[in-house]
């Protein structure tokens, strides 16, 4: 869904207390929509903004709501860009 390797998700689970998916008895992780939003927030800080783990943790601690809003806005902008690119590709294929 997010395009991150499982190893990255497992590492982030150990580093960020906000990421804690529910697990089955056999250890399979179940991510809720809220978990996915939190992972997107961390991905925004680490991948988009280029923050180190410690700086991302501090940003989440100090301004969780603001970081969450920014990451959601970035996600929406990425979706809009992808849709616009699809439209442009469709128009170009008609030529």
PDB file of N, CA and C in Angstrom:
ATOM      1  N   UNK A   1       0.815  -1.209   0.000  1.00  0.00           N
ATOM      2  CA  UNK A   1       0.000   0.000   0.000  1.00  0.00           C
ATOM      3  C   UNK A   1       0.853   1.266   0.000  1.00  0.00           C
ATOM      4  N   UNK A   2       1.918   1.226   0.758  1.00  0.00           N
ATOM      5  CA  UNK A   2       2.743   2.426   0.887  1.00  0.00           C
ATOM      6  C   UNK A   2       4.004   2.310   0.038  1.00  0.00           C
ATOM      7  N   UNK A   3       4.358   1.095  -0.304  1.00  0.00           N
ATOM      8  CA  UNK A   3       5.534   0.890  -1.131  1.00  0.00           C
ATOM      9  C   UNK A   3       6.831   0.791  -0.351  1.00  0.00           C
ATOM     10  N   UNK A   4       6.733   0.405   0.897  1.00  0.00           N
ATOM     11  CA  UNK A   4       7.922   0.246   1.729  1.00  0.00           C
ATOM     12  C   UNK A   4       8.211  -1.237   1.938  1.00  0.00           C
ATOM     13  N   UNK A   5       9.476  -1.607   1.992  1.00  0.00           N
ATOM     14  CA  UNK A   5       9.801  -3.009   2.284  1.00  0.00           C
ATOM     15  C   UNK A   5       9.395  -3.389   3.712  1.00  0.00           C
ATOM     16  N   UNK A   6       9.108  -4.669   3.904  1.00  0.00           N
ATOM     17  CA  UNK A   6       8.720  -5.151   5.231  1.00  0.00           C
ATOM     18  C   UNK A   6       9.814  -4.891   6.261  1.00  0.00           C
ATOM     19  N   UNK A   7      11.060  -4.960   5.847  1.00  0.00           N
ATOM     20  CA  UNK A   7      12.163  -4.721   6.785  1.00  0.00           C
ATOM     21  C   UNK A   7      12.135  -3.286   7.311  1.00  0.00           C
ATOM     22  N   UNK A   8      11.763  -2.342   6.456  1.00  0.00           N
ATOM     23  CA  UNK A   8      11.655  -0.946   6.891  1.00  0.00           C
ATOM     24  C   UNK A   8      10.524  -0.788   7.894  1.00  0.00           C
ATOM     25  N   UNK A   9       9.388  -1.410   7.609  1.00  0.00           N
ATOM     26  CA  UNK A   9       8.264  -1.345   8.547  1.00  0.00           C
ATOM     27  C   UNK A   9       8.641  -1.937   9.899  1.00  0.00           C
ATOM     28  N   UNK A  10       9.297  -3.075   9.892  1.00  0.00           N
ATOM     29  CA  UNK A  10       9.698  -3.698  11.162  1.00  0.00           C
ATOM     30  C   UNK A  10      10.673  -2.805  11.926  1.00  0.00           C
ATOM     31  N   UNK A  11      11.614  -2.190  11.206  1.00  0.00           N
ATOM     32  CA  UNK A  11      12.568  -1.300  11.866  1.00  0.00           C
ATOM     33  C   UNK A  11      11.849  -0.100  12.464  1.00  0.00           C
ATOM     34  N   UNK A  12      10.944   0.500  11.697  1.00  0.00           N
ATOM     35  CA  UNK A  12      10.213   1.661  12.207  1.00  0.00           C
ATOM     36  C   UNK A  12       9.353   1.290  13.399  1.00  0.00           C
ATOM     37  N   UNK A  13       8.795   0.086  13.428  1.00  0.00           N
ATOM     38  CA  UNK A  13       8.021  -0.355  14.589  1.00  0.00           C
ATOM     39  C   UNK A  13       8.887  -0.352  15.841  1.00  0.00           C
ATOM     40  N   UNK A  14      10.160  -0.700  15.686  1.00  0.00           N
ATOM     41  CA  UNK A  14      11.050  -0.739  16.850  1.00  0.00           C
ATOM     42  C   UNK A  14      11.498   0.661  17.263  1.00  0.00           C
ATOM     43  N   UNK A  15      11.443   1.629  16.341  1.00  0.00           N
ATOM     44  CA  UNK A  15      11.929   2.972  16.624  1.00  0.00           C
ATOM     45  C   UNK A  15      10.840   3.971  17.005  1.00  0.00           C
ATOM     46  N   UNK A  16       9.640   3.771  16.490  1.00  0.00           N
ATOM     47  CA  UNK A  16       8.550   4.716  16.711  1.00  0.00           C
ATOM     48  C   UNK A  16       7.441   4.040  17.513  1.00  0.00           C
ATOM     49  N   UNK A  17       7.152   4.575  18.685  1.00  0.00           N
ATOM     50  CA  UNK A  17       6.134   3.966  19.546  1.00  0.00           C
ATOM     51  C   UNK A  17       4.729   4.138  18.989  1.00  0.00           C
ATOM     52  N   UNK A  18       4.540   5.089  18.068  1.00  0.00           N
ATOM     53  CA  UNK A  18       3.201   5.292  17.510  1.00  0.00           C
ATOM     54  C   UNK A  18       2.816   4.183  16.537  1.00  0.00           C
ATOM     55  N   UNK A  19       3.789   3.451  16.029  1.00  0.00           N
ATOM     56  CA  UNK A  19       3.508   2.357  15.098  1.00  0.00           C
ATOM     57  C   UNK A  19       3.495   1.053  15.884  1.00  0.00           C
ATOM     58  N   UNK A  20       2.303   0.524  16.096  1.00  0.00           N
ATOM     59  CA  UNK A  20       2.186  -0.736  16.840  1.00  0.00           C
ATOM     60  C   UNK A  20       0.995  -1.530  16.297  1.00  0.00           C
ATOM     61  N   UNK A  21       1.205  -2.228  15.176  1.00  0.00           N
ATOM     62  CA  UNK A  21       0.090  -2.997  14.608  1.00  0.00           C
ATOM     63  C   UNK A  21      -0.292  -4.161  15.517  1.00  0.00           C
ATOM     64  N   UNK A  22      -1.552  -4.535  15.416  1.00  0.00           N
ATOM     65  CA  UNK A  22      -2.036  -5.691  16.160  1.00  0.00           C
ATOM     66  C   UNK A  22      -1.435  -6.941  15.526  1.00  0.00           C
ATOM     67  N   UNK A  23      -1.200  -7.967  16.334  1.00  0.00           N
ATOM     68  CA  UNK A  23      -0.613  -9.209  15.825  1.00  0.00           C
ATOM     69  C   UNK A  23      -1.513 -10.394  16.141  1.00  0.00           C
ATOM     70  N   UNK A  24      -1.473 -11.355  15.240  1.00  0.00           N
ATOM     71  CA  UNK A  24      -2.207 -12.597  15.481  1.00  0.00           C
ATOM     72  C   UNK A  24      -1.382 -13.482  16.417  1.00  0.00           C
ATOM     73  N   UNK A  25      -1.937 -14.605  16.780  1.00  0.00           N
ATOM     74  CA  UNK A  25      -1.188 -15.531  17.647  1.00  0.00           C
ATOM     75  C   UNK A  25       0.080 -16.026  16.975  1.00  0.00           C
ATOM     76  N   UNK A  26       0.059 -16.092  15.640  1.00  0.00           N
ATOM     77  CA  UNK A  26       1.233 -16.577  14.905  1.00  0.00           C
ATOM     78  C   UNK A  26       2.202 -15.457  14.548  1.00  0.00           C
ATOM     79  N   UNK A  27       1.906 -14.218  14.957  1.00  0.00           N
ATOM     80  CA  UNK A  27       2.822 -13.103  14.748  1.00  0.00           C
ATOM     81  C   UNK A  27       2.578 -12.294  13.488  1.00  0.00           C
ATOM     82  N   UNK A  28       1.521 -12.594  12.763  1.00  0.00           N
ATOM     83  CA  UNK A  28       1.202 -11.829  11.558  1.00  0.00           C
ATOM     84  C   UNK A  28       0.685 -10.462  11.967  1.00  0.00           C
ATOM     85  N   UNK A  29       1.215  -9.424  11.329  1.00  0.00           N
ATOM     86  CA  UNK A  29       0.830  -8.050  11.661  1.00  0.00           C
ATOM     87  C   UNK A  29      -0.440  -7.664  10.912  1.00  0.00           C
ATOM     88  N   UNK A  30      -1.342  -7.000  11.630  1.00  0.00           N
ATOM     89  CA  UNK A  30      -2.573  -6.475  11.047  1.00  0.00           C
ATOM     90  C   UNK A  30      -2.554  -4.963  11.222  1.00  0.00           C
ATOM     91  N   UNK A  31      -2.462  -4.250  10.094  1.00  0.00           N
ATOM     92  CA  UNK A  31      -2.392  -2.799  10.123  1.00  0.00           C
ATOM     93  C   UNK A  31      -3.785  -2.213   9.930  1.00  0.00           C
ATOM     94  N   UNK A  32      -4.192  -1.363  10.839  1.00  0.00           N
ATOM     95  CA  UNK A  32      -5.465  -0.661  10.721  1.00  0.00           C
ATOM     96  C   UNK A  32      -5.246   0.576   9.842  1.00  0.00           C
ATOM     97  N   UNK A  33      -6.321   1.201   9.372  1.00  0.00           N
ATOM     98  CA  UNK A  33      -6.140   2.458   8.633  1.00  0.00           C
ATOM     99  C   UNK A  33      -5.386   3.512   9.445  1.00  0.00           C
ATOM    100  N   UNK A  34      -5.586   3.530  10.742  1.00  0.00           N
ATOM    101  CA  UNK A  34      -4.850   4.481  11.589  1.00  0.00           C
ATOM    102  C   UNK A  34      -3.361   4.159  11.593  1.00  0.00           C
ATOM    103  N   UNK A  35      -3.022   2.863  11.620  1.00  0.00           N
ATOM    104  CA  UNK A  35      -1.614   2.460  11.551  1.00  0.00           C
ATOM    105  C   UNK A  35      -0.993   2.904  10.234  1.00  0.00           C
ATOM    106  N   UNK A  36      -1.730   2.744   9.152  1.00  0.00           N
ATOM    107  CA  UNK A  36      -1.232   3.137   7.834  1.00  0.00           C
ATOM    108  C   UNK A  36      -0.994   4.644   7.785  1.00  0.00           C
ATOM    109  N   UNK A  37      -1.885   5.412   8.377  1.00  0.00           N
ATOM    110  CA  UNK A  37      -1.695   6.870   8.434  1.00  0.00           C
ATOM    111  C   UNK A  37      -0.438   7.233   9.213  1.00  0.00           C
ATOM    112  N   UNK A  38      -0.201   6.535  10.301  1.00  0.00           N
ATOM    113  CA  UNK A  38       0.998   6.800  11.113  1.00  0.00           C
ATOM    114  C   UNK A  38       2.262   6.438  10.341  1.00  0.00           C
ATOM    115  N   UNK A  39       2.216   5.344   9.603  1.00  0.00           N
ATOM    116  CA  UNK A  39       3.373   4.942   8.800  1.00  0.00           C
ATOM    117  C   UNK A  39       3.615   5.966   7.697  1.00  0.00           C
ATOM    118  N   UNK A  40       2.547   6.461   7.090  1.00  0.00           N
ATOM    119  CA  UNK A  40       2.697   7.502   6.072  1.00  0.00           C
ATOM    120  C   UNK A  40       3.315   8.763   6.668  1.00  0.00           C
ATOM    121  N   UNK A  41       2.944   9.081   7.902  1.00  0.00           N
ATOM    122  CA  UNK A  41       3.495  10.252   8.570  1.00  0.00           C
ATOM    123  C   UNK A  41       5.003  10.072   8.776  1.00  0.00           C
ATOM    124  N   UNK A  42       5.405   8.905   9.229  1.00  0.00           N
ATOM    125  CA  UNK A  42       6.833   8.633   9.423  1.00  0.00           C
ATOM    126  C   UNK A  42       7.549   8.647   8.079  1.00  0.00           C
ATOM    127  N   UNK A  43       6.930   8.054   7.058  1.00  0.00           N
ATOM    128  CA  UNK A  43       7.543   8.038   5.726  1.00  0.00           C
ATOM    129  C   UNK A  43       7.724   9.463   5.199  1.00  0.00           C
ATOM    130  N   UNK A  44       6.743  10.314   5.456  1.00  0.00           N
ATOM    131  CA  UNK A  44       6.863  11.716   5.046  1.00  0.00           C
ATOM    132  C   UNK A  44       8.077  12.362   5.701  1.00  0.00           C
ATOM    133  N   UNK A  45       8.226  12.163   6.998  1.00  0.00           N
ATOM    134  CA  UNK A  45       9.333  12.792   7.721  1.00  0.00           C
ATOM    135  C   UNK A  45      10.688  12.232   7.294  1.00  0.00           C
ATOM    136  N   UNK A  46      10.757  10.918   7.162  1.00  0.00           N
ATOM    137  CA  UNK A  46      12.046  10.276   6.895  1.00  0.00           C
ATOM    138  C   UNK A  46      12.385  10.299   5.401  1.00  0.00           C
ATOM    139  N   UNK A  47      11.425   9.950   4.565  1.00  0.00           N
ATOM    140  CA  UNK A  47      11.696   9.826   3.129  1.00  0.00           C
ATOM    141  C   UNK A  47      11.549  11.155   2.388  1.00  0.00           C
ATOM    142  N   UNK A  48      10.488  11.886   2.663  1.00  0.00           N
ATOM    143  CA  UNK A  48      10.231  13.141   1.941  1.00  0.00           C
ATOM    144  C   UNK A  48      11.098  14.288   2.462  1.00  0.00           C
ATOM    145  N   UNK A  49      11.067  14.476   3.790  1.00  0.00           N
ATOM    146  CA  UNK A  49      11.814  15.597   4.372  1.00  0.00           C
ATOM    147  C   UNK A  49      13.270  15.256   4.626  1.00  0.00           C
ATOM    148  N   UNK A  50      13.591  13.963   4.651  1.00  0.00           N
ATOM    149  CA  UNK A  50      14.978  13.549   4.845  1.00  0.00           C
ATOM    150  C   UNK A  50      15.476  13.637   6.275  1.00  0.00           C
ATOM    151  N   UNK A  51      14.553  13.608   7.237  1.00  0.00           N
ATOM    152  CA  UNK A  51      14.972  13.673   8.639  1.00  0.00           C
ATOM    153  C   UNK A  51      15.560  12.339   9.087  1.00  0.00           C
ATOM    154  N   UNK A  52      16.471  12.427  10.022  1.00  0.00           N
ATOM    155  CA  UNK A  52      16.986  11.217  10.659  1.00  0.00           C
ATOM    156  C   UNK A  52      15.936  10.712  11.642  1.00  0.00           C
ATOM    157  N   UNK A  53      16.082   9.472  12.066  1.00  0.00           N
ATOM    158  CA  UNK A  53      15.094   8.827  12.947  1.00  0.00           C
ATOM    159  C   UNK A  53      14.853   9.667  14.197  1.00  0.00           C
ATOM    160  N   UNK A  54      15.923  10.129  14.835  1.00  0.00           N
ATOM    161  CA  UNK A  54      15.782  10.883  16.079  1.00  0.00           C
ATOM    162  C   UNK A  54      15.026  12.192  15.843  1.00  0.00           C
ATOM    163  N   UNK A  55      15.327  12.861  14.747  1.00  0.00           N
ATOM    164  CA  UNK A  55      14.650  14.126  14.440  1.00  0.00           C
ATOM    165  C   UNK A  55      13.178  13.880  14.125  1.00  0.00           C
ATOM    166  N   UNK A  56      12.888  12.789  13.437  1.00  0.00           N
ATOM    167  CA  UNK A  56      11.493  12.450  13.136  1.00  0.00           C
ATOM    168  C   UNK A  56      10.727  12.135  14.417  1.00  0.00           C
ATOM    169  N   UNK A  57      11.363  11.406  15.334  1.00  0.00           N
ATOM    170  CA  UNK A  57      10.718  11.098  16.613  1.00  0.00           C
ATOM    171  C   UNK A  57      10.403  12.380  17.373  1.00  0.00           C
ATOM    172  N   UNK A  58      11.344  13.301  17.378  1.00  0.00           N
ATOM    173  CA  UNK A  58      11.135  14.564  18.083  1.00  0.00           C
ATOM    174  C   UNK A  58      10.024  15.380  17.430  1.00  0.00           C
ATOM    175  N   UNK A  59       9.993  15.410  16.108  1.00  0.00           N
ATOM    176  CA  UNK A  59       8.945  16.153  15.395  1.00  0.00           C
ATOM    177  C   UNK A  59       7.576  15.591  15.736  1.00  0.00           C
ATOM    178  N   UNK A  60       7.469  14.277  15.822  1.00  0.00           N
ATOM    179  CA  UNK A  60       6.191  13.649  16.158  1.00  0.00           C
ATOM    180  C   UNK A  60       5.806  13.967  17.599  1.00  0.00           C
ATOM    181  N   UNK A  61       6.779  13.915  18.503  1.00  0.00           N
ATOM    182  CA  UNK A  61       6.494  14.224  19.910  1.00  0.00           C
ATOM    183  C   UNK A  61       6.049  15.670  20.084  1.00  0.00           C
ATOM    184  N   UNK A  62       6.710  16.599  19.403  1.00  0.00           N
ATOM    185  CA  UNK A  62       6.453  18.026  19.604  1.00  0.00           C
ATOM    186  C   UNK A  62       5.245  18.553  18.849  1.00  0.00           C
ATOM    187  N   UNK A  63       4.959  17.969  17.679  1.00  0.00           N
ATOM    188  CA  UNK A  63       3.898  18.531  16.845  1.00  0.00           C
ATOM    189  C   UNK A  63       3.207  17.425  16.051  1.00  0.00           C
ATOM    190  N   UNK A  64       2.625  16.479  16.737  1.00  0.00           N
ATOM    191  CA  UNK A  64       1.993  15.327  16.092  1.00  0.00           C
ATOM    192  C   UNK A  64       0.908  15.752  15.117  1.00  0.00           C
ATOM    193  N   UNK A  65       0.050  16.669  15.531  1.00  0.00           N
ATOM    194  CA  UNK A  65      -1.068  17.100  14.688  1.00  0.00           C
ATOM    195  C   UNK A  65      -0.574  17.808  13.435  1.00  0.00           C
ATOM    196  N   UNK A  66       0.370  18.686  13.586  1.00  0.00           N
ATOM    197  CA  UNK A  66       0.903  19.420  12.434  1.00  0.00           C
ATOM    198  C   UNK A  66       1.590  18.511  11.437  1.00  0.00           C
ATOM    199  N   UNK A  67       2.372  17.572  11.939  1.00  0.00           N
ATOM    200  CA  UNK A  67       3.062  16.625  11.065  1.00  0.00           C
ATOM    201  C   UNK A  67       2.046  15.748  10.348  1.00  0.00           C
ATOM    202  N   UNK A  68       1.014  15.329  11.074  1.00  0.00           N
ATOM    203  CA  UNK A  68      -0.022  14.495  10.483  1.00  0.00           C
ATOM    204  C   UNK A  68      -0.737  15.230   9.351  1.00  0.00           C
ATOM    205  N   UNK A  69      -1.071  16.477   9.575  1.00  0.00           N
ATOM    206  CA  UNK A  69      -1.753  17.278   8.534  1.00  0.00           C
ATOM    207  C   UNK A  69      -0.873  17.450   7.302  1.00  0.00           C
ATOM    208  N   UNK A  70       0.404  17.746   7.537  1.00  0.00           N
ATOM    209  CA  UNK A  70       1.317  17.938   6.411  1.00  0.00           C
ATOM    210  C   UNK A  70       1.476  16.650   5.612  1.00  0.00           C
ATOM    211  N   UNK A  71       1.622  15.528   6.302  1.00  0.00           N
ATOM    212  CA  UNK A  71       1.804  14.265   5.585  1.00  0.00           C
ATOM    213  C   UNK A  71       0.549  13.899   4.798  1.00  0.00           C
ATOM    214  N   UNK A  72      -0.624  14.188   5.345  1.00  0.00           N
ATOM    215  CA  UNK A  72      -1.870  13.930   4.619  1.00  0.00           C
ATOM    216  C   UNK A  72      -1.977  14.829   3.392  1.00  0.00           C
ATOM    217  N   UNK A  73      -1.570  16.077   3.534  1.00  0.00           N
ATOM    218  CA  UNK A  73      -1.610  16.999   2.395  1.00  0.00           C
ATOM    219  C   UNK A  73      -0.651  16.541   1.296  1.00  0.00           C
ATOM    220  N   UNK A  74       0.529  16.112   1.681  1.00  0.00           N
ATOM    221  CA  UNK A  74       1.505  15.625   0.707  1.00  0.00           C
ATOM    222  C   UNK A  74       0.963  14.388  -0.007  1.00  0.00           C
ATOM    223  N   UNK A  75       0.342  13.496   0.734  1.00  0.00           N
ATOM    224  CA  UNK A  75      -0.245  12.284   0.147  1.00  0.00           C
ATOM    225  C   UNK A  75      -1.320  12.650  -0.877  1.00  0.00           C
ATOM    226  N   UNK A  76      -2.180  13.596  -0.532  1.00  0.00           N
ATOM    227  CA  UNK A  76      -3.219  14.035  -1.471  1.00  0.00           C
ATOM    228  C   UNK A  76      -2.609  14.668  -2.714  1.00  0.00           C
ATOM    229  N   UNK A  77      -1.567  15.462  -2.539  1.00  0.00           N
ATOM    230  CA  UNK A  77      -0.909  16.076  -3.685  1.00  0.00           C
ATOM    231  C   UNK A  77      -0.267  15.031  -4.592  1.00  0.00           C
ATOM    232  N   UNK A  78       0.324  14.001  -4.007  1.00  0.00           N
ATOM    233  CA  UNK A  78       0.887  12.910  -4.807  1.00  0.00           C
ATOM    234  C   UNK A  78      -0.206  12.207  -5.606  1.00  0.00           C
ATOM    235  N   UNK A  79      -1.350  11.977  -4.970  1.00  0.00           N
ATOM    236  CA  UNK A  79      -2.465  11.339  -5.670  1.00  0.00           C
ATOM    237  C   UNK A  79      -2.971  12.204  -6.823  1.00  0.00           C
ATOM    238  N   UNK A  80      -3.076  13.494  -6.581  1.00  0.00           N
ATOM    239  CA  UNK A  80      -3.519  14.412  -7.637  1.00  0.00           C
ATOM    240  C   UNK A  80      -2.517  14.413  -8.789  1.00  0.00           C
ATOM    241  N   UNK A  81      -1.243  14.457  -8.459  1.00  0.00           N
ATOM    242  CA  UNK A  81      -0.202  14.430  -9.497  1.00  0.00           C
ATOM    243  C   UNK A  81      -0.298  13.159 -10.325  1.00  0.00           C
ATOM    244  N   UNK A  82      -0.503  12.020  -9.660  1.00  0.00           N
ATOM    245  CA  UNK A  82      -0.617  10.750 -10.381  1.00  0.00           C
ATOM    246  C   UNK A  82      -1.828  10.746 -11.310  1.00  0.00           C
ATOM    247  N   UNK A  83      -2.954  11.269 -10.834  1.00  0.00           N
ATOM    248  CA  UNK A  83      -4.153  11.331 -11.679  1.00  0.00           C
ATOM    249  C   UNK A  83      -3.954  12.270 -12.867  1.00  0.00           C
ATOM    250  N   UNK A  84      -3.322  13.408 -12.632  1.00  0.00           N
ATOM    251  CA  UNK A  84      -3.046  14.340 -13.718  1.00  0.00           C
ATOM    252  C   UNK A  84      -2.104  13.715 -14.752  1.00  0.00           C
ATOM    253  N   UNK A  85      -1.123  12.970 -14.271  1.00  0.00           N
ATOM    254  CA  UNK A  85      -0.196  12.303 -15.184  1.00  0.00           C
ATOM    255  C   UNK A  85      -0.926  11.267 -16.039  1.00  0.00           C
ATOM    256  N   UNK A  86      -1.862  10.536 -15.424  1.00  0.00           N
ATOM    257  CA  UNK A  86      -2.665   9.572 -16.186  1.00  0.00           C
ATOM    258  C   UNK A  86      -3.488  10.273 -17.261  1.00  0.00           C
ATOM    259  N   UNK A  87      -4.081  11.410 -16.910  1.00  0.00           N
ATOM    260  CA  UNK A  87      -4.861  12.165 -17.888  1.00  0.00           C
ATOM    261  C   UNK A  87      -3.979  12.656 -19.028  1.00  0.00           C
ATOM    262  N   UNK A  88      -2.814  13.166 -18.686  1.00  0.00           N
ATOM    263  CA  UNK A  88      -1.888  13.652 -19.699  1.00  0.00           C
ATOM    264  C   UNK A  88      -1.440  12.516 -20.611  1.00  0.00           C
ATOM    265  N   UNK A  89      -1.131  11.371 -20.031  1.00  0.00           N
ATOM    266  CA  UNK A  89      -0.741  10.209 -20.839  1.00  0.00           C
ATOM    267  C   UNK A  89      -1.868   9.781 -21.759  1.00  0.00           C
ATOM    268  N   UNK A  90      -3.109   9.812 -21.266  1.00  0.00           N
ATOM    269  CA  UNK A  90      -4.270   9.447 -22.096  1.00  0.00           C
ATOM    270  C   UNK A  90      -4.436  10.421 -23.251  1.00  0.00           C
ATOM    271  N   UNK A  91      -4.290  11.707 -22.956  1.00  0.00           N
ATOM    272  CA  UNK A  91      -4.398  12.710 -24.020  1.00  0.00           C
ATOM    273  C   UNK A  91      -3.302  12.542 -25.050  1.00  0.00           C
ATOM    274  N   UNK A  92      -2.095  12.265 -24.608  1.00  0.00           N
ATOM    275  CA  UNK A  92      -0.976  12.094 -25.532  1.00  0.00           C
ATOM    276  C   UNK A  92      -1.134  10.839 -26.391  1.00  0.00           C
ATOM    277  N   UNK A  93      -1.774   9.825 -25.862  1.00  0.00           N
ATOM    278  CA  UNK A  93      -1.974   8.605 -26.648  1.00  0.00           C
ATOM    279  C   UNK A  93      -3.021   8.795 -27.730  1.00  0.00           C
ATOM    280  N   UNK A  94      -3.874   9.811 -27.593  1.00  0.00           N
ATOM    281  CA  UNK A  94      -4.887  10.102 -28.609  1.00  0.00           C
ATOM    282  C   UNK A  94      -4.313  10.808 -29.826  1.00  0.00           C
ATOM    283  N   UNK A  95      -3.153  11.376 -29.689  1.00  0.00           N
ATOM    284  CA  UNK A  95      -2.551  12.143 -30.789  1.00  0.00           C
ATOM    285  C   UNK A  95      -2.032  11.243 -31.855  1.00  0.00           C
TER     286      UNK A  95
END
